């Protein structure tokens, strides 16, 4: 088991969790302008989406050289975005994307 990325996960949690906890830590957050509230509410998901996008389109080879990757993951992410936009629920979109990617890999397409 490789543990070199554990510190990155801890750092990501340390950076994203406080933004999600702002309403608990600062009870007056509801007095901020609506625009600022929307920004703070969407900051965590935006950071996670950026990380997911990089992991979807960039592949690092054996000598640590990044390259662009086009595969079934793009279809899965696009489908996730469509489902989330249509149903307004992240869980259904993520399960759909995971099912598409897993099925494509099991069949041998990806």
Foldseek 3Di string as FASTA:
>chain_A
DDDPCVVVVVVLCVVQVCLVCVCVVPVCPVVDDPVVVVCSNCVNVVVVVVVVVCVQFWDADPVRDIDGDDDLLVVLVVQLVVVCVVVVDNVVSVVSSVVSVVVCVVVPVD
